[in-house]
Every structure is written in C-alpha cells, then in structure tokens.
Amino acid sequence: MDSTLAAEASVSSDGKLVIFVAHIRGRAVQCSITREALERHFWAPIGANEARLLKAYTDGHNRIAAAVERRMLRAPDESIKLNAADFSH
C-alpha cells in the first residue's frame, strides 16, 4: 500500500493528540496519534510541549506511516487514531 503522511501536523487543543492527514490510494484520511504513544514509543518526554511532540511525530514518520497502513487494511473507511498498542508488537 502506498501512503504518504502530510508534512504538517498539529497538536489537539487538549494536548492529547497529534493530528495529521495520510494520503492513501488517492484518498486523504484524517489521522491522529496519542501523546501516550509518542511518549512510550517515540522518545517524547512525559509532559512534552507542543514543539517536542511534533518533533517526535516527525522523527517517527516511517513507523507511524507503517502503522497507518496496517490500520487501513483492517478498516479502510474510517479515520485512524493510533495509540500505544499499535506499536507494542
């Protein structure tokens, strides 16, 4: 599956998610990854500020893209919210 994560991402107003768009098979899919996943699996410090969360997202781009692709295979018509369990294998 060919997917591309948008270079631009943002942190949700409550600080619990990084929100981004994945372009998969010509479709734009709304996605997010939890703060917990970034802290547990992508070296974001606990309580990190917005800039550090976005850096962890950028640094983890390849692993996050792979997780998005796996989720799309299971539920192709839904938005995707990645959490720590998506990286615990």
N, C-alpha and C. Protein backbone atom coordinates (compact mmCIF):
# COMPACT_ATOMS: atom_id res chain seq x y z
N MET A 1 0.86 -1.17 0.00
CA MET A 1 0.00 0.00 0.00
C MET A 1 0.90 1.23 0.00
N ASP A 2 0.57 2.22 -0.78
CA ASP A 2 1.37 3.42 -0.88
C ASP A 2 0.71 4.53 -0.09
N SER A 3 1.38 5.00 0.97
CA SER A 3 0.81 6.08 1.77
C SER A 3 1.86 7.15 2.00
N THR A 4 1.36 8.36 2.20
CA THR A 4 2.21 9.50 2.49
C THR A 4 1.57 10.26 3.63
N LEU A 5 2.35 10.57 4.66
CA LEU A 5 1.84 11.39 5.75
C LEU A 5 2.10 12.84 5.41
N ALA A 6 1.13 13.68 5.68
CA ALA A 6 1.30 15.11 5.44
C ALA A 6 2.43 15.64 6.30
N ALA A 7 3.21 16.54 5.74
CA ALA A 7 4.32 17.13 6.48
C ALA A 7 3.79 17.97 7.65
N GLU A 8 2.64 18.57 7.45
CA GLU A 8 2.06 19.40 8.50
C GLU A 8 1.24 18.56 9.46
N ALA A 9 1.46 18.81 10.73
CA ALA A 9 0.69 18.16 11.79
C ALA A 9 0.42 19.21 12.85
N SER A 10 -0.55 18.94 13.69
CA SER A 10 -0.86 19.88 14.77
C SER A 10 -1.20 19.10 16.03
N VAL A 11 -1.09 19.78 17.14
CA VAL A 11 -1.45 19.18 18.42
C VAL A 11 -2.87 19.61 18.75
N SER A 12 -3.67 18.67 19.22
CA SER A 12 -5.06 18.97 19.57
C SER A 12 -5.10 20.01 20.69
N SER A 13 -6.22 20.67 20.83
CA SER A 13 -6.35 21.74 21.83
C SER A 13 -6.15 21.24 23.25
N ASP A 14 -6.46 19.97 23.51
CA ASP A 14 -6.25 19.43 24.85
C ASP A 14 -4.85 18.83 25.03
N GLY A 15 -4.05 18.82 23.96
CA GLY A 15 -2.67 18.34 24.03
C GLY A 15 -2.52 16.83 24.07
N LYS A 16 -3.59 16.09 23.83
CA LYS A 16 -3.54 14.63 23.94
C LYS A 16 -3.29 13.91 22.62
N LEU A 17 -3.37 14.64 21.49
CA LEU A 17 -3.21 14.01 20.18
C LEU A 17 -2.35 14.88 19.27
N VAL A 18 -1.62 14.24 18.38
CA VAL A 18 -1.05 14.92 17.22
C VAL A 18 -1.93 14.51 16.05
N ILE A 19 -2.43 15.49 15.34
CA ILE A 19 -3.40 15.27 14.26
C ILE A 19 -2.69 15.50 12.92
N PHE A 20 -2.93 14.60 11.97
CA PHE A 20 -2.29 14.70 10.66
C PHE A 20 -3.18 14.03 9.62
N VAL A 21 -2.82 14.21 8.37
CA VAL A 21 -3.55 13.60 7.26
C VAL A 21 -2.63 12.63 6.56
N ALA A 22 -3.16 11.46 6.24
CA ALA A 22 -2.42 10.48 5.43
C ALA A 22 -3.10 10.40 4.07
N HIS A 23 -2.29 10.37 3.05
CA HIS A 23 -2.80 10.22 1.69
C HIS A 23 -2.55 8.78 1.28
N ILE A 24 -3.64 8.02 1.14
CA ILE A 24 -3.55 6.59 0.87
C ILE A 24 -4.42 6.26 -0.33
N ARG A 25 -3.80 5.69 -1.35
CA ARG A 25 -4.52 5.31 -2.57
C ARG A 25 -5.39 6.44 -3.11
N GLY A 26 -4.84 7.64 -3.12
CA GLY A 26 -5.57 8.78 -3.66
C GLY A 26 -6.60 9.38 -2.73
N ARG A 27 -6.71 8.88 -1.51
CA ARG A 27 -7.66 9.40 -0.52
C ARG A 27 -6.91 10.12 0.58
N ALA A 28 -7.52 11.16 1.11
CA ALA A 28 -7.00 11.84 2.29
C ALA A 28 -7.74 11.29 3.51
N VAL A 29 -7.00 10.75 4.46
CA VAL A 29 -7.60 10.14 5.65
C VAL A 29 -7.15 10.92 6.88
N GLN A 30 -8.11 11.36 7.68
CA GLN A 30 -7.80 12.07 8.92
C GLN A 30 -7.23 11.08 9.93
N CYS A 31 -6.07 11.41 10.49
CA CYS A 31 -5.40 10.51 11.43
C CYS A 31 -4.93 11.27 12.66
N SER A 32 -4.65 10.50 13.70
CA SER A 32 -4.05 11.08 14.89
C SER A 32 -3.24 10.00 15.60
N ILE A 33 -2.33 10.45 16.44
CA ILE A 33 -1.55 9.56 17.29
C ILE A 33 -1.57 10.16 18.69
N THR A 34 -1.74 9.32 19.69
CA THR A 34 -1.88 9.81 21.06
C THR A 34 -0.54 10.26 21.62
N ARG A 35 -0.63 11.19 22.55
CA ARG A 35 0.55 11.64 23.30
C ARG A 35 1.21 10.44 23.97
N GLU A 36 0.40 9.55 24.54
CA GLU A 36 0.94 8.38 25.22
C GLU A 36 1.81 7.54 24.27
N ALA A 37 1.35 7.32 23.06
CA ALA A 37 2.13 6.55 22.09
C ALA A 37 3.46 7.24 21.79
N LEU A 38 3.42 8.55 21.62
CA LEU A 38 4.66 9.30 21.35
C LEU A 38 5.61 9.25 22.55
N GLU A 39 5.06 9.28 23.76
CA GLU A 39 5.91 9.21 24.95
C GLU A 39 6.49 7.81 25.15
N ARG A 40 5.70 6.78 24.91
CA ARG A 40 6.14 5.41 25.16
C ARG A 40 7.01 4.83 24.05
N HIS A 41 6.80 5.24 22.81
CA HIS A 41 7.46 4.58 21.69
C HIS A 41 8.29 5.49 20.79
N PHE A 42 8.22 6.81 20.99
CA PHE A 42 8.92 7.74 20.11
C PHE A 42 9.74 8.78 20.86
N TRP A 43 10.09 8.52 22.06
CA TRP A 43 11.03 9.33 22.84
C TRP A 43 10.54 10.73 23.16
N ALA A 44 9.25 10.98 23.12
CA ALA A 44 8.75 12.28 23.59
C ALA A 44 8.75 12.25 25.11
N PRO A 45 9.34 13.25 25.75
CA PRO A 45 9.34 13.28 27.21
C PRO A 45 7.92 13.41 27.76
N ILE A 46 7.67 12.82 28.89
CA ILE A 46 6.36 12.95 29.53
C ILE A 46 6.12 14.43 29.82
N GLY A 47 4.96 14.91 29.43
CA GLY A 47 4.61 16.32 29.62
C GLY A 47 5.27 17.24 28.61
N ALA A 48 5.76 16.69 27.50
CA ALA A 48 6.45 17.48 26.49
C ALA A 48 5.57 18.61 25.95
N ASN A 49 6.23 19.69 25.55
CA ASN A 49 5.49 20.79 24.95
C ASN A 49 5.11 20.44 23.51
N GLU A 50 4.35 21.31 22.88
CA GLU A 50 3.85 21.07 21.53
C GLU A 50 4.98 20.84 20.53
N ALA A 51 6.02 21.64 20.60
CA ALA A 51 7.13 21.51 19.65
C ALA A 51 7.81 20.16 19.77
N ARG A 52 7.97 19.68 20.98
CA ARG A 52 8.64 18.38 21.19
C ARG A 52 7.75 17.23 20.72
N LEU A 53 6.44 17.32 20.93
CA LEU A 53 5.52 16.29 20.43
C LEU A 53 5.58 16.22 18.90
N LEU A 54 5.60 17.38 18.26
CA LEU A 54 5.65 17.40 16.80
C LEU A 54 6.99 16.86 16.29
N LYS A 55 8.07 17.11 17.03
CA LYS A 55 9.36 16.55 16.64
C LYS A 55 9.34 15.03 16.75
N ALA A 56 8.75 14.50 17.80
CA ALA A 56 8.65 13.05 17.95
C ALA A 56 7.84 12.45 16.81
N TYR A 57 6.76 13.12 16.43
CA TYR A 57 5.95 12.68 15.28
C TYR A 57 6.80 12.66 14.01
N THR A 58 7.52 13.73 13.76
CA THR A 58 8.36 13.83 12.56
C THR A 58 9.46 12.77 12.57
N ASP A 59 10.11 12.59 13.71
CA ASP A 59 11.18 11.61 13.81
C ASP A 59 10.67 10.18 13.63
N GLY A 60 9.43 9.93 14.02
CA GLY A 60 8.86 8.59 13.91
C GLY A 60 8.06 8.37 12.65
N HIS A 61 8.23 9.23 11.69
CA HIS A 61 7.43 9.22 10.45
C HIS A 61 7.28 7.83 9.83
N ASN A 62 8.37 7.10 9.63
CA ASN A 62 8.29 5.81 8.94
C ASN A 62 7.47 4.79 9.73
N ARG A 63 7.70 4.69 11.04
CA ARG A 63 6.94 3.74 11.85
C ARG A 63 5.47 4.12 11.93
N ILE A 64 5.20 5.42 12.02
CA ILE A 64 3.81 5.89 12.07
C ILE A 64 3.11 5.59 10.75
N ALA A 65 3.78 5.83 9.63
CA ALA A 65 3.20 5.53 8.32
C ALA A 65 2.88 4.04 8.19
N ALA A 66 3.78 3.19 8.67
CA ALA A 66 3.54 1.74 8.61
C ALA A 66 2.32 1.36 9.45
N ALA A 67 2.17 1.97 10.62
CA ALA A 67 1.01 1.67 11.47
C ALA A 67 -0.28 2.15 10.81
N VAL A 68 -0.24 3.30 10.16
CA VAL A 68 -1.41 3.81 9.44
C VAL A 68 -1.81 2.82 8.35
N GLU A 69 -0.83 2.32 7.61
CA GLU A 69 -1.13 1.35 6.55
C GLU A 69 -1.77 0.08 7.10
N ARG A 70 -1.24 -0.43 8.21
CA ARG A 70 -1.83 -1.63 8.82
C ARG A 70 -3.28 -1.38 9.22
N ARG A 71 -3.55 -0.22 9.83
CA ARG A 71 -4.91 0.09 10.25
C ARG A 71 -5.84 0.25 9.05
N MET A 72 -5.35 0.82 7.96
CA MET A 72 -6.16 0.98 6.76
C MET A 72 -6.55 -0.37 6.17
N LEU A 73 -5.69 -1.36 6.29
CA LEU A 73 -6.03 -2.69 5.78
C LEU A 73 -7.19 -3.30 6.57
N ARG A 74 -7.26 -3.00 7.88
CA ARG A 74 -8.33 -3.54 8.72
C ARG A 74 -9.63 -2.76 8.60
N ALA A 75 -9.55 -1.45 8.46
CA ALA A 75 -10.75 -0.61 8.42
C ALA A 75 -10.55 0.52 7.42
N PRO A 76 -10.70 0.24 6.13
CA PRO A 76 -10.35 1.22 5.11
C PRO A 76 -11.25 2.45 5.03
N ASP A 77 -12.40 2.43 5.64
CA ASP A 77 -13.33 3.55 5.50
C ASP A 77 -13.44 4.42 6.75
N GLU A 78 -12.48 4.31 7.65
CA GLU A 78 -12.57 5.03 8.90
C GLU A 78 -11.37 5.96 9.09
N SER A 79 -11.56 6.97 9.94
CA SER A 79 -10.41 7.78 10.34
C SER A 79 -9.57 6.91 11.27
N ILE A 80 -8.33 7.27 11.46
CA ILE A 80 -7.40 6.43 12.21
C ILE A 80 -6.88 7.17 13.43
N LYS A 81 -6.99 6.53 14.58
CA LYS A 81 -6.41 7.06 15.82
C LYS A 81 -5.43 6.01 16.33
N LEU A 82 -4.14 6.30 16.21
CA LEU A 82 -3.12 5.37 16.69
C LEU A 82 -2.88 5.59 18.16
N ASN A 83 -2.69 4.48 18.88
CA ASN A 83 -2.37 4.57 20.29
C ASN A 83 -1.16 3.69 20.60
N ALA A 84 -0.75 3.63 21.83
CA ALA A 84 0.46 2.89 22.20
C ALA A 84 0.38 1.43 21.80
N ALA A 85 -0.79 0.81 21.84
CA ALA A 85 -0.94 -0.60 21.49
C ALA A 85 -0.58 -0.86 20.03
N ASP A 86 -0.71 0.14 19.17
CA ASP A 86 -0.37 -0.04 17.75
C ASP A 86 1.12 -0.21 17.52
N PHE A 87 1.94 0.06 18.54
CA PHE A 87 3.39 -0.04 18.41
C PHE A 87 3.98 -1.04 19.39
N SER A 88 3.15 -1.85 20.01
CA SER A 88 3.61 -2.80 21.04
C SER A 88 3.74 -4.21 20.53
N HIS A 89 4.26 -4.41 19.32
CA HIS A 89 4.41 -5.76 18.82
C HIS A 89 5.84 -6.05 18.51
